[in-house]
Amino acid sequence: MIMVEGISQFCEDLQVDPQDIVMHVISWHMKASTMCEFSHQEFIGGLQSIGVDSVEKLHEKLPSLRAELKDDQKFCEIYDFAFTWAKEKGQKSLSLETAIGMWQLLFAERRWPLID
């Protein structure tokens, strides 16, 4: 398992803030089951689905991964994934604070009048 410290190092290697929305897109590609954790299978499978085999190549792909948020179909899939992924283990719903944080991240580039 890659845990919080490993994810932080991964973000540092990618030169990406852990709070950057692109990390949600990467986690979606990895089909990560839990926030801030990647299993070996999730990590390897995600890199294969993105089509990269190194951190350097993944760094080069970041602009295209960000662009996936502009595709309405993929945005809906990432949106659905994000709320399932962000739930605490054993919980059926998100806390209001977590939900608002997710909305702010997901809708930072899109206009949604209710975000405020």
PDB file of N, CA and C in Angstrom:
ATOM      1  N   MET A   1       0.840  -1.195   0.000  1.00  0.00           N
ATOM      2  CA  MET A   1       0.000   0.000   0.000  1.00  0.00           C
ATOM      3  C   MET A   1       0.879   1.251   0.000  1.00  0.00           C
ATOM      4  N   ILE A   2       0.435   2.232  -0.750  1.00  0.00           N
ATOM      5  CA  ILE A   2       1.034   3.560  -0.684  1.00  0.00           C
ATOM      6  C   ILE A   2       0.110   4.368   0.219  1.00  0.00           C
ATOM      7  N   MET A   3       0.646   4.799   1.346  1.00  0.00           N
ATOM      8  CA  MET A   3      -0.150   5.517   2.334  1.00  0.00           C
ATOM      9  C   MET A   3       0.122   7.024   2.218  1.00  0.00           C
ATOM     10  N   VAL A   4      -0.317   7.794   3.188  1.00  0.00           N
ATOM     11  CA  VAL A   4      -0.245   9.252   3.155  1.00  0.00           C
ATOM     12  C   VAL A   4       1.174   9.754   2.852  1.00  0.00           C
ATOM     13  N   GLU A   5       2.169   9.217   3.530  1.00  0.00           N
ATOM     14  CA  GLU A   5       3.541   9.679   3.305  1.00  0.00           C
ATOM     15  C   GLU A   5       3.983   9.398   1.871  1.00  0.00           C
ATOM     16  N   GLY A   6       3.626   8.238   1.369  1.00  0.00           N
ATOM     17  CA  GLY A   6       3.972   7.877  -0.007  1.00  0.00           C
ATOM     18  C   GLY A   6       3.247   8.741  -1.024  1.00  0.00           C
ATOM     19  N   ILE A   7       1.988   9.063  -0.736  1.00  0.00           N
ATOM     20  CA  ILE A   7       1.220   9.948  -1.629  1.00  0.00           C
ATOM     21  C   ILE A   7       1.854  11.336  -1.634  1.00  0.00           C
ATOM     22  N   SER A   8       2.269  11.806  -0.452  1.00  0.00           N
ATOM     23  CA  SER A   8       2.934  13.120  -0.369  1.00  0.00           C
ATOM     24  C   SER A   8       4.212  13.125  -1.202  1.00  0.00           C
ATOM     25  N   GLN A   9       4.997  12.059  -1.117  1.00  0.00           N
ATOM     26  CA  GLN A   9       6.221  11.961  -1.910  1.00  0.00           C
ATOM     27  C   GLN A   9       5.900  11.884  -3.401  1.00  0.00           C
ATOM     28  N   PHE A  10       4.852  11.137  -3.745  1.00  0.00           N
ATOM     29  CA  PHE A  10       4.401  11.026  -5.136  1.00  0.00           C
ATOM     30  C   PHE A  10       4.034  12.406  -5.682  1.00  0.00           C
ATOM     31  N   CYS A  11       3.289  13.179  -4.893  1.00  0.00           N
ATOM     32  CA  CYS A  11       2.906  14.539  -5.301  1.00  0.00           C
ATOM     33  C   CYS A  11       4.141  15.422  -5.462  1.00  0.00           C
ATOM     34  N   GLU A  12       5.072  15.289  -4.539  1.00  0.00           N
ATOM     35  CA  GLU A  12       6.314  16.061  -4.618  1.00  0.00           C
ATOM     36  C   GLU A  12       7.080  15.701  -5.885  1.00  0.00           C
ATOM     37  N   ASP A  13       7.162  14.411  -6.184  1.00  0.00           N
ATOM     38  CA  ASP A  13       7.853  13.958  -7.395  1.00  0.00           C
ATOM     39  C   ASP A  13       7.176  14.490  -8.656  1.00  0.00           C
ATOM     40  N   LEU A  14       5.838  14.591  -8.610  1.00  0.00           N
ATOM     41  CA  LEU A  14       5.078  15.120  -9.756  1.00  0.00           C
ATOM     42  C   LEU A  14       5.083  16.647  -9.795  1.00  0.00           C
ATOM     43  N   GLN A  15       5.558  17.274  -8.712  1.00  0.00           N
ATOM     44  CA  GLN A  15       5.537  18.725  -8.556  1.00  0.00           C
ATOM     45  C   GLN A  15       4.102  19.249  -8.580  1.00  0.00           C
ATOM     46  N   VAL A  16       3.244  18.548  -7.820  1.00  0.00           N
ATOM     47  CA  VAL A  16       1.824  18.863  -7.747  1.00  0.00           C
ATOM     48  C   VAL A  16       1.426  18.955  -6.284  1.00  0.00           C
ATOM     49  N   ASP A  17       0.618  19.946  -5.958  1.00  0.00           N
ATOM     50  CA  ASP A  17       0.083  20.061  -4.607  1.00  0.00           C
ATOM     51  C   ASP A  17      -0.883  18.903  -4.373  1.00  0.00           C
ATOM     52  N   PRO A  18      -0.840  18.255  -3.209  1.00  0.00           N
ATOM     53  CA  PRO A  18      -1.766  17.143  -2.943  1.00  0.00           C
ATOM     54  C   PRO A  18      -3.241  17.551  -3.045  1.00  0.00           C
ATOM     55  N   GLN A  19      -3.543  18.834  -2.870  1.00  0.00           N
ATOM     56  CA  GLN A  19      -4.916  19.324  -2.970  1.00  0.00           C
ATOM     57  C   GLN A  19      -5.318  19.673  -4.406  1.00  0.00           C
ATOM     58  N   ASP A  20      -4.405  19.539  -5.348  1.00  0.00           N
ATOM     59  CA  ASP A  20      -4.673  19.857  -6.757  1.00  0.00           C
ATOM     60  C   ASP A  20      -5.704  18.876  -7.312  1.00  0.00           C
ATOM     61  N   ILE A  21      -6.642  19.377  -8.071  1.00  0.00           N
ATOM     62  CA  ILE A  21      -7.715  18.560  -8.641  1.00  0.00           C
ATOM     63  C   ILE A  21      -7.167  17.447  -9.530  1.00  0.00           C
ATOM     64  N   VAL A  22      -5.990  17.643 -10.111  1.00  0.00           N
ATOM     65  CA  VAL A  22      -5.429  16.610 -10.972  1.00  0.00           C
ATOM     66  C   VAL A  22      -5.158  15.324 -10.180  1.00  0.00           C
ATOM     67  N   MET A  23      -4.942  15.433  -8.891  1.00  0.00           N
ATOM     68  CA  MET A  23      -4.752  14.233  -8.067  1.00  0.00           C
ATOM     69  C   MET A  23      -6.050  13.436  -7.971  1.00  0.00           C
ATOM     70  N   HIS A  24      -7.187  14.111  -8.039  1.00  0.00           N
ATOM     71  CA  HIS A  24      -8.472  13.409  -8.061  1.00  0.00           C
ATOM     72  C   HIS A  24      -8.635  12.657  -9.380  1.00  0.00           C
ATOM     73  N   VAL A  25      -8.207  13.302 -10.464  1.00  0.00           N
ATOM     74  CA  VAL A  25      -8.289  12.654 -11.775  1.00  0.00           C
ATOM     75  C   VAL A  25      -7.380  11.418 -11.809  1.00  0.00           C
ATOM     76  N   ILE A  26      -6.167  11.552 -11.269  1.00  0.00           N
ATOM     77  CA  ILE A  26      -5.244  10.413 -11.213  1.00  0.00           C
ATOM     78  C   ILE A  26      -5.844   9.301 -10.359  1.00  0.00           C
ATOM     79  N   SER A  27      -6.418   9.660  -9.218  1.00  0.00           N
ATOM     80  CA  SER A  27      -7.041   8.656  -8.338  1.00  0.00           C
ATOM     81  C   SER A  27      -8.210   7.971  -9.027  1.00  0.00           C
ATOM     82  N   TRP A  28      -8.952   8.725  -9.844  1.00  0.00           N
ATOM     83  CA  TRP A  28     -10.061   8.157 -10.612  1.00  0.00           C
ATOM     84  C   TRP A  28      -9.525   7.121 -11.606  1.00  0.00           C
ATOM     85  N   HIS A  29      -8.443   7.463 -12.293  1.00  0.00           N
ATOM     86  CA  HIS A  29      -7.836   6.515 -13.229  1.00  0.00           C
ATOM     87  C   HIS A  29      -7.347   5.275 -12.499  1.00  0.00           C
ATOM     88  N   MET A  30      -6.877   5.460 -11.279  1.00  0.00           N
ATOM     89  CA  MET A  30      -6.375   4.332 -10.494  1.00  0.00           C
ATOM     90  C   MET A  30      -7.502   3.525  -9.849  1.00  0.00           C
ATOM     91  N   LYS A  31      -8.716   4.066  -9.942  1.00  0.00           N
ATOM     92  CA  LYS A  31      -9.870   3.422  -9.303  1.00  0.00           C
ATOM     93  C   LYS A  31      -9.587   3.182  -7.821  1.00  0.00           C
ATOM     94  N   ALA A  32      -8.979   4.188  -7.206  1.00  0.00           N
ATOM     95  CA  ALA A  32      -8.617   4.096  -5.789  1.00  0.00           C
ATOM     96  C   ALA A  32      -9.879   3.954  -4.944  1.00  0.00           C
ATOM     97  N   SER A  33      -9.835   3.049  -4.003  1.00  0.00           N
ATOM     98  CA  SER A  33     -11.012   2.811  -3.166  1.00  0.00           C
ATOM     99  C   SER A  33     -11.055   3.720  -1.943  1.00  0.00           C
ATOM    100  N   THR A  34      -9.902   4.251  -1.544  1.00  0.00           N
ATOM    101  CA  THR A  34      -9.830   5.075  -0.348  1.00  0.00           C
ATOM    102  C   THR A  34      -8.957   6.297  -0.607  1.00  0.00           C
ATOM    103  N   MET A  35      -9.385   7.455  -0.110  1.00  0.00           N
ATOM    104  CA  MET A  35      -8.616   8.674  -0.256  1.00  0.00           C
ATOM    105  C   MET A  35      -7.278   8.525   0.473  1.00  0.00           C
ATOM    106  N   CYS A  36      -6.233   9.036  -0.139  1.00  0.00           N
ATOM    107  CA  CYS A  36      -4.878   9.039   0.426  1.00  0.00           C
ATOM    108  C   CYS A  36      -4.263   7.645   0.552  1.00  0.00           C
ATOM    109  N   GLU A  37      -4.742   6.703  -0.250  1.00  0.00           N
ATOM    110  CA  GLU A  37      -4.171   5.354  -0.277  1.00  0.00           C
ATOM    111  C   GLU A  37      -4.259   4.796  -1.694  1.00  0.00           C
ATOM    112  N   PHE A  38      -3.196   4.143  -2.112  1.00  0.00           N
ATOM    113  CA  PHE A  38      -3.219   3.389  -3.363  1.00  0.00           C
ATOM    114  C   PHE A  38      -2.687   1.998  -3.062  1.00  0.00           C
ATOM    115  N   SER A  39      -3.423   0.995  -3.479  1.00  0.00           N
ATOM    116  CA  SER A  39      -2.873  -0.356  -3.405  1.00  0.00           C
ATOM    117  C   SER A  39      -1.917  -0.513  -4.582  1.00  0.00           C
ATOM    118  N   HIS A  40      -1.095  -1.528  -4.523  1.00  0.00           N
ATOM    119  CA  HIS A  40      -0.164  -1.803  -5.619  1.00  0.00           C
ATOM    120  C   HIS A  40      -0.930  -1.989  -6.924  1.00  0.00           C
ATOM    121  N   GLN A  41      -2.012  -2.758  -6.853  1.00  0.00           N
ATOM    122  CA  GLN A  41      -2.820  -3.032  -8.045  1.00  0.00           C
ATOM    123  C   GLN A  41      -3.450  -1.741  -8.583  1.00  0.00           C
ATOM    124  N   GLU A  42      -3.989  -0.890  -7.705  1.00  0.00           N
ATOM    125  CA  GLU A  42      -4.593   0.374  -8.136  1.00  0.00           C
ATOM    126  C   GLU A  42      -3.548   1.254  -8.814  1.00  0.00           C
ATOM    127  N   PHE A  43      -2.372   1.344  -8.196  1.00  0.00           N
ATOM    128  CA  PHE A  43      -1.312   2.207  -8.713  1.00  0.00           C
ATOM    129  C   PHE A  43      -0.846   1.747 -10.088  1.00  0.00           C
ATOM    130  N   ILE A  44      -0.496   0.482 -10.205  1.00  0.00           N
ATOM    131  CA  ILE A  44      -0.004  -0.051 -11.481  1.00  0.00           C
ATOM    132  C   ILE A  44      -1.107   0.004 -12.547  1.00  0.00           C
ATOM    133  N   GLY A  45      -2.323  -0.401 -12.183  1.00  0.00           N
ATOM    134  CA  GLY A  45      -3.435  -0.364 -13.133  1.00  0.00           C
ATOM    135  C   GLY A  45      -3.751   1.050 -13.597  1.00  0.00           C
ATOM    136  N   GLY A  46      -3.656   2.002 -12.684  1.00  0.00           N
ATOM    137  CA  GLY A  46      -3.916   3.393 -13.041  1.00  0.00           C
ATOM    138  C   GLY A  46      -2.880   3.948 -13.994  1.00  0.00           C
ATOM    139  N   LEU A  47      -1.623   3.665 -13.724  1.00  0.00           N
ATOM    140  CA  LEU A  47      -0.567   4.130 -14.627  1.00  0.00           C
ATOM    141  C   LEU A  47      -0.733   3.506 -16.004  1.00  0.00           C
ATOM    142  N   GLN A  48      -1.123   2.234 -16.040  1.00  0.00           N
ATOM    143  CA  GLN A  48      -1.354   1.573 -17.329  1.00  0.00           C
ATOM    144  C   GLN A  48      -2.536   2.210 -18.054  1.00  0.00           C
ATOM    145  N   SER A  49      -3.611   2.540 -17.329  1.00  0.00           N
ATOM    146  CA  SER A  49      -4.780   3.142 -17.985  1.00  0.00           C
ATOM    147  C   SER A  49      -4.469   4.539 -18.522  1.00  0.00           C
ATOM    148  N   ILE A  50      -3.565   5.241 -17.846  1.00  0.00           N
ATOM    149  CA  ILE A  50      -3.148   6.566 -18.317  1.00  0.00           C
ATOM    150  C   ILE A  50      -2.160   6.425 -19.472  1.00  0.00           C
ATOM    151  N   GLY A  51      -1.468   5.287 -19.511  1.00  0.00           N
ATOM    152  CA  GLY A  51      -0.510   5.036 -20.595  1.00  0.00           C
ATOM    153  C   GLY A  51       0.889   5.532 -20.288  1.00  0.00           C
ATOM    154  N   VAL A  52       1.285   5.468 -19.016  1.00  0.00           N
ATOM    155  CA  VAL A  52       2.622   5.906 -18.619  1.00  0.00           C
ATOM    156  C   VAL A  52       3.288   4.821 -17.788  1.00  0.00           C
ATOM    157  N   ASP A  53       4.625   4.892 -17.738  1.00  0.00           N
ATOM    158  CA  ASP A  53       5.357   3.914 -16.938  1.00  0.00           C
ATOM    159  C   ASP A  53       6.424   4.561 -16.058  1.00  0.00           C
ATOM    160  N   SER A  54       6.330   5.889 -15.894  1.00  0.00           N
ATOM    161  CA  SER A  54       7.274   6.584 -15.026  1.00  0.00           C
ATOM    162  C   SER A  54       6.638   7.873 -14.521  1.00  0.00           C
ATOM    163  N   VAL A  55       7.195   8.387 -13.454  1.00  0.00           N
ATOM    164  CA  VAL A  55       6.705   9.652 -12.897  1.00  0.00           C
ATOM    165  C   VAL A  55       6.925  10.782 -13.907  1.00  0.00           C
ATOM    166  N   GLU A  56       8.036  10.738 -14.615  1.00  0.00           N
ATOM    167  CA  GLU A  56       8.337  11.777 -15.603  1.00  0.00           C
ATOM    168  C   GLU A  56       7.275  11.808 -16.707  1.00  0.00           C
ATOM    169  N   LYS A  57       6.904  10.635 -17.192  1.00  0.00           N
ATOM    170  CA  LYS A  57       5.881  10.572 -18.239  1.00  0.00           C
ATOM    171  C   LYS A  57       4.521  10.997 -17.697  1.00  0.00           C
ATOM    172  N   LEU A  58       4.230  10.653 -16.450  1.00  0.00           N
ATOM    173  CA  LEU A  58       2.978  11.083 -15.835  1.00  0.00           C
ATOM    174  C   LEU A  58       2.965  12.600 -15.693  1.00  0.00           C
ATOM    175  N   HIS A  59       4.099  13.181 -15.319  1.00  0.00           N
ATOM    176  CA  HIS A  59       4.190  14.644 -15.205  1.00  0.00           C
ATOM    177  C   HIS A  59       3.883  15.313 -16.544  1.00  0.00           C
ATOM    178  N   GLU A  60       4.373  14.729 -17.624  1.00  0.00           N
ATOM    179  CA  GLU A  60       4.106  15.261 -18.966  1.00  0.00           C
ATOM    180  C   GLU A  60       2.628  15.154 -19.331  1.00  0.00           C
ATOM    181  N   LYS A  61       1.916  14.185 -18.761  1.00  0.00           N
ATOM    182  CA  LYS A  61       0.499  13.946 -19.060  1.00  0.00           C
ATOM    183  C   LYS A  61      -0.440  14.831 -18.232  1.00  0.00           C
ATOM    184  N   LEU A  62       0.077  15.548 -17.227  1.00  0.00           N
ATOM    185  CA  LEU A  62      -0.791  16.321 -16.342  1.00  0.00           C
ATOM    186  C   LEU A  62      -1.728  17.277 -17.083  1.00  0.00           C
ATOM    187  N   PRO A  63      -1.254  18.017 -18.098  1.00  0.00           N
ATOM    188  CA  PRO A  63      -2.193  18.901 -18.807  1.00  0.00           C
ATOM    189  C   PRO A  63      -3.362  18.149 -19.447  1.00  0.00           C
ATOM    190  N   SER A  64      -3.102  16.978 -20.023  1.00  0.00           N
ATOM    191  CA  SER A  64      -4.203  16.226 -20.644  1.00  0.00           C
ATOM    192  C   SER A  64      -5.129  15.643 -19.582  1.00  0.00           C
ATOM    193  N   LEU A  65      -4.587  15.296 -18.412  1.00  0.00           N
ATOM    194  CA  LEU A  65      -5.437  14.806 -17.319  1.00  0.00           C
ATOM    195  C   LEU A  65      -6.340  15.924 -16.805  1.00  0.00           C
ATOM    196  N   ARG A  66      -5.792  17.134 -16.700  1.00  0.00           N
ATOM    197  CA  ARG A  66      -6.621  18.287 -16.297  1.00  0.00           C
ATOM    198  C   ARG A  66      -7.719  18.551 -17.321  1.00  0.00           C
ATOM    199  N   ALA A  67      -7.383  18.380 -18.595  1.00  0.00           N
ATOM    200  CA  ALA A  67      -8.341  18.627 -19.670  1.00  0.00           C
ATOM    201  C   ALA A  67      -9.519  17.663 -19.611  1.00  0.00           C
ATOM    202  N   GLU A  68      -9.331  16.493 -18.999  1.00  0.00           N
ATOM    203  CA  GLU A  68     -10.430  15.535 -18.892  1.00  0.00           C
ATOM    204  C   GLU A  68     -11.598  16.107 -18.095  1.00  0.00           C
ATOM    205  N   LEU A  69     -11.330  17.053 -17.216  1.00  0.00           N
ATOM    206  CA  LEU A  69     -12.402  17.681 -16.432  1.00  0.00           C
ATOM    207  C   LEU A  69     -13.315  18.542 -17.297  1.00  0.00           C
ATOM    208  N   LYS A  70     -12.863  18.913 -18.479  1.00  0.00           N
ATOM    209  CA  LYS A  70     -13.673  19.729 -19.383  1.00  0.00           C
ATOM    210  C   LYS A  70     -14.623  18.882 -20.216  1.00  0.00           C
ATOM    211  N   ASP A  71     -14.365  17.586 -20.288  1.00  0.00           N
ATOM    212  CA  ASP A  71     -15.244  16.657 -20.984  1.00  0.00           C
ATOM    213  C   ASP A  71     -16.406  16.329 -20.050  1.00  0.00           C
ATOM    214  N   ASP A  72     -17.629  16.662 -20.471  1.00  0.00           N
ATOM    215  CA  ASP A  72     -18.796  16.491 -19.594  1.00  0.00           C
ATOM    216  C   ASP A  72     -18.976  15.059 -19.111  1.00  0.00           C
ATOM    217  N   GLN A  73     -18.775  14.092 -19.984  1.00  0.00           N
ATOM    218  CA  GLN A  73     -18.930  12.679 -19.611  1.00  0.00           C
ATOM    219  C   GLN A  73     -17.923  12.294 -18.528  1.00  0.00           C
ATOM    220  N   LYS A  74     -16.651  12.634 -18.768  1.00  0.00           N
ATOM    221  CA  LYS A  74     -15.616  12.288 -17.793  1.00  0.00           C
ATOM    222  C   LYS A  74     -15.802  13.071 -16.498  1.00  0.00           C
ATOM    223  N   PHE A  75     -16.228  14.332 -16.601  1.00  0.00           N
ATOM    224  CA  PHE A  75     -16.459  15.117 -15.390  1.00  0.00           C
ATOM    225  C   PHE A  75     -17.512  14.436 -14.514  1.00  0.00           C
ATOM    226  N   CYS A  76     -18.584  13.961 -15.122  1.00  0.00           N
ATOM    227  CA  CYS A  76     -19.628  13.271 -14.351  1.00  0.00           C
ATOM    228  C   CYS A  76     -19.077  12.021 -13.677  1.00  0.00           C
ATOM    229  N   GLU A  77     -18.236  11.272 -14.395  1.00  0.00           N
ATOM    230  CA  GLU A  77     -17.644  10.068 -13.812  1.00  0.00           C
ATOM    231  C   GLU A  77     -16.702  10.424 -12.663  1.00  0.00           C
ATOM    232  N   ILE A  78     -15.894  11.460 -12.845  1.00  0.00           N
ATOM    233  CA  ILE A  78     -14.962  11.896 -11.794  1.00  0.00           C
ATOM    234  C   ILE A  78     -15.737  12.430 -10.603  1.00  0.00           C
ATOM    235  N   TYR A  79     -16.809  13.164 -10.863  1.00  0.00           N
ATOM    236  CA  TYR A  79     -17.664  13.698  -9.793  1.00  0.00           C
ATOM    237  C   TYR A  79     -18.244  12.551  -8.962  1.00  0.00           C
ATOM    238  N   ASP A  80     -18.831  11.567  -9.623  1.00  0.00           N
ATOM    239  CA  ASP A  80     -19.400  10.410  -8.914  1.00  0.00           C
ATOM    240  C   ASP A  80     -18.322   9.675  -8.116  1.00  0.00           C
ATOM    241  N   PHE A  81     -17.175   9.477  -8.739  1.00  0.00           N
ATOM    242  CA  PHE A  81     -16.066   8.802  -8.070  1.00  0.00           C
ATOM    243  C   PHE A  81     -15.623   9.567  -6.831  1.00  0.00           C
ATOM    244  N   ALA A  82     -15.486  10.879  -6.951  1.00  0.00           N
ATOM    245  CA  ALA A  82     -14.929  11.693  -5.866  1.00  0.00           C
ATOM    246  C   ALA A  82     -15.733  11.566  -4.583  1.00  0.00           C
ATOM    247  N   PHE A  83     -17.040  11.516  -4.676  1.00  0.00           N
ATOM    248  CA  PHE A  83     -17.839  11.470  -3.464  1.00  0.00           C
ATOM    249  C   PHE A  83     -17.860  10.075  -2.838  1.00  0.00           C
ATOM    250  N   THR A  84     -17.736   9.054  -3.630  1.00  0.00           N
ATOM    251  CA  THR A  84     -17.618   7.706  -3.074  1.00  0.00           C
ATOM    252  C   THR A  84     -16.237   7.540  -2.445  1.00  0.00           C
ATOM    253  N   TRP A  85     -15.223   8.030  -3.112  1.00  0.00           N
ATOM    254  CA  TRP A  85     -13.830   7.923  -2.699  1.00  0.00           C
ATOM    255  C   TRP A  85     -13.556   8.715  -1.417  1.00  0.00           C
ATOM    256  N   ALA A  86     -14.234   9.844  -1.236  1.00  0.00           N
ATOM    257  CA  ALA A  86     -13.964  10.726  -0.101  1.00  0.00           C
ATOM    258  C   ALA A  86     -14.651  10.293   1.196  1.00  0.00           C
ATOM    259  N   LYS A  87     -15.576   9.343   1.103  1.00  0.00           N
ATOM    260  CA  LYS A  87     -16.271   8.895   2.314  1.00  0.00           C
ATOM    261  C   LYS A  87     -15.307   8.184   3.258  1.00  0.00           C
ATOM    262  N   GLU A  88     -15.510   8.399   4.546  1.00  0.00           N
ATOM    263  CA  GLU A  88     -14.745   7.668   5.558  1.00  0.00           C
ATOM    264  C   GLU A  88     -15.146   6.199   5.487  1.00  0.00           C
ATOM    265  N   LYS A  89     -14.233   5.321   5.831  1.00  0.00           N
ATOM    266  CA  LYS A  89     -14.534   3.888   5.815  1.00  0.00           C
ATOM    267  C   LYS A  89     -15.722   3.606   6.727  1.00  0.00           C
ATOM    268  N   GLY A  90     -16.679   2.863   6.197  1.00  0.00           N
ATOM    269  CA  GLY A  90     -17.858   2.492   6.965  1.00  0.00           C
ATOM    270  C   GLY A  90     -18.973   3.513   6.952  1.00  0.00           C
ATOM    271  N   GLN A  91     -18.746   4.675   6.339  1.00  0.00           N
ATOM    272  CA  GLN A  91     -19.763   5.717   6.291  1.00  0.00           C
ATOM    273  C   GLN A  91     -20.573   5.612   4.992  1.00  0.00           C
ATOM    274  N   LYS A  92     -21.851   5.995   5.089  1.00  0.00           N
ATOM    275  CA  LYS A  92     -22.715   5.967   3.909  1.00  0.00           C
ATOM    276  C   LYS A  92     -22.796   7.335   3.237  1.00  0.00           C
ATOM    277  N   SER A  93     -22.389   8.378   3.954  1.00  0.00           N
ATOM    278  CA  SER A  93     -22.457   9.725   3.387  1.00  0.00           C
ATOM    279  C   SER A  93     -21.244  10.532   3.831  1.00  0.00           C
ATOM    280  N   LEU A  94     -21.084  11.688   3.210  1.00  0.00           N
ATOM    281  CA  LEU A  94     -19.983  12.590   3.538  1.00  0.00           C
ATOM    282  C   LEU A  94     -20.427  13.595   4.580  1.00  0.00           C
ATOM    283  N   SER A  95     -19.461  14.087   5.336  1.00  0.00           N
ATOM    284  CA  SER A  95     -19.774  15.208   6.219  1.00  0.00           C
ATOM    285  C   SER A  95     -19.990  16.442   5.337  1.00  0.00           C
ATOM    286  N   LEU A  96     -20.739  17.391   5.831  1.00  0.00           N
ATOM    287  CA  LEU A  96     -21.011  18.606   5.066  1.00  0.00           C
ATOM    288  C   LEU A  96     -19.715  19.329   4.722  1.00  0.00           C
ATOM    289  N   GLU A  97     -18.790  19.387   5.664  1.00  0.00           N
ATOM    290  CA  GLU A  97     -17.513  20.069   5.435  1.00  0.00           C
ATOM    291  C   GLU A  97     -16.739  19.423   4.288  1.00  0.00           C
ATOM    292  N   THR A  98     -16.697  18.096   4.262  1.00  0.00           N
ATOM    293  CA  THR A  98     -16.004  17.376   3.202  1.00  0.00           C
ATOM    294  C   THR A  98     -16.707  17.582   1.862  1.00  0.00           C
ATOM    295  N   ALA A  99     -18.036  17.516   1.859  1.00  0.00           N
ATOM    296  CA  ALA A  99     -18.802  17.709   0.620  1.00  0.00           C
ATOM    297  C   ALA A  99     -18.557  19.103   0.040  1.00  0.00           C
ATOM    298  N   ILE A 100     -18.565  20.108   0.881  1.00  0.00           N
ATOM    299  CA  ILE A 100     -18.330  21.483   0.402  1.00  0.00           C
ATOM    300  C   ILE A 100     -16.920  21.606  -0.165  1.00  0.00           C
ATOM    301  N   GLY A 101     -15.942  21.020   0.520  1.00  0.00           N
ATOM    302  CA  GLY A 101     -14.566  21.036   0.007  1.00  0.00           C
ATOM    303  C   GLY A 101     -14.447  20.366  -1.347  1.00  0.00           C
ATOM    304  N   MET A 102     -15.132  19.238  -1.509  1.00  0.00           N
ATOM    305  CA  MET A 102     -15.109  18.537  -2.796  1.00  0.00           C
ATOM    306  C   MET A 102     -15.770  19.378  -3.886  1.00  0.00           C
ATOM    307  N   TRP A 103     -16.905  19.992  -3.569  1.00  0.00           N
ATOM    308  CA  TRP A 103     -17.572  20.855  -4.563  1.00  0.00           C
ATOM    309  C   TRP A 103     -16.660  22.007  -4.973  1.00  0.00           C
ATOM    310  N   GLN A 104     -15.982  22.611  -4.001  1.00  0.00           N
ATOM    311  CA  GLN A 104     -15.098  23.736  -4.322  1.00  0.00           C
ATOM    312  C   GLN A 104     -13.966  23.290  -5.244  1.00  0.00           C
ATOM    313  N   LEU A 105     -13.424  22.114  -5.013  1.00  0.00           N
ATOM    314  CA  LEU A 105     -12.368  21.592  -5.890  1.00  0.00           C
ATOM    315  C   LEU A 105     -12.905  21.255  -7.279  1.00  0.00           C
ATOM    316  N   LEU A 106     -14.008  20.517  -7.309  1.00  0.00           N
ATOM    317  CA  LEU A 106     -14.546  20.047  -8.581  1.00  0.00           C
ATOM    318  C   LEU A 106     -15.100  21.171  -9.447  1.00  0.00           C
ATOM    319  N   PHE A 107     -15.650  22.192  -8.819  1.00  0.00           N
ATOM    320  CA  PHE A 107     -16.262  23.268  -9.595  1.00  0.00           C
ATOM    321  C   PHE A 107     -15.394  24.516  -9.679  1.00  0.00           C
ATOM    322  N   ALA A 108     -14.115  24.412  -9.332  1.00  0.00           N
ATOM    323  CA  ALA A 108     -13.223  25.565  -9.411  1.00  0.00           C
ATOM    324  C   ALA A 108     -13.112  26.086 -10.839  1.00  0.00           C
ATOM    325  N   GLU A 109     -13.135  25.208 -11.814  1.00  0.00           N
ATOM    326  CA  GLU A 109     -13.001  25.592 -13.219  1.00  0.00           C
ATOM    327  C   GLU A 109     -14.353  25.773 -13.910  1.00  0.00           C
ATOM    328  N   ARG A 110     -15.394  25.247 -13.323  1.00  0.00           N
ATOM    329  CA  ARG A 110     -16.739  25.327 -13.917  1.00  0.00           C
ATOM    330  C   ARG A 110     -17.575  26.316 -13.135  1.00  0.00           C
ATOM    331  N   ARG A 111     -18.492  26.900 -13.787  1.00  0.00           N
ATOM    332  CA  ARG A 111     -19.385  27.841 -13.108  1.00  0.00           C
ATOM    333  C   ARG A 111     -20.587  27.091 -12.574  1.00  0.00           C
ATOM    334  N   TRP A 112     -20.789  27.198 -11.281  1.00  0.00           N
ATOM    335  CA  TRP A 112     -21.961  26.627 -10.638  1.00  0.00           C
ATOM    336  C   TRP A 112     -22.461  27.674  -9.659  1.00  0.00           C
ATOM    337  N   PRO A 113     -23.604  28.279  -9.904  1.00  0.00           N
ATOM    338  CA  PRO A 113     -24.067  29.404  -9.096  1.00  0.00           C
ATOM    339  C   PRO A 113     -24.284  29.090  -7.619  1.00  0.00           C
ATOM    340  N   LEU A 114     -24.467  27.839  -7.261  1.00  0.00           N
ATOM    341  CA  LEU A 114     -24.752  27.486  -5.872  1.00  0.00           C
ATOM    342  C   LEU A 114     -23.502  27.213  -5.057  1.00  0.00           C
ATOM    343  N   ILE A 115     -22.315  27.265  -5.668  1.00  0.00           N
ATOM    344  CA  ILE A 115     -21.102  26.903  -4.953  1.00  0.00           C
ATOM    345  C   ILE A 115     -20.838  27.811  -3.759  1.00  0.00           C
ATOM    346  N   ASP A 116     -21.165  29.069  -3.862  1.00  0.00           N
ATOM    347  CA  ASP A 116     -20.965  29.981  -2.738  1.00  0.00           C
ATOM    348  C   ASP A 116     -21.971  29.733  -1.638  1.00  0.00           C
TER     349      ASP A 116
END
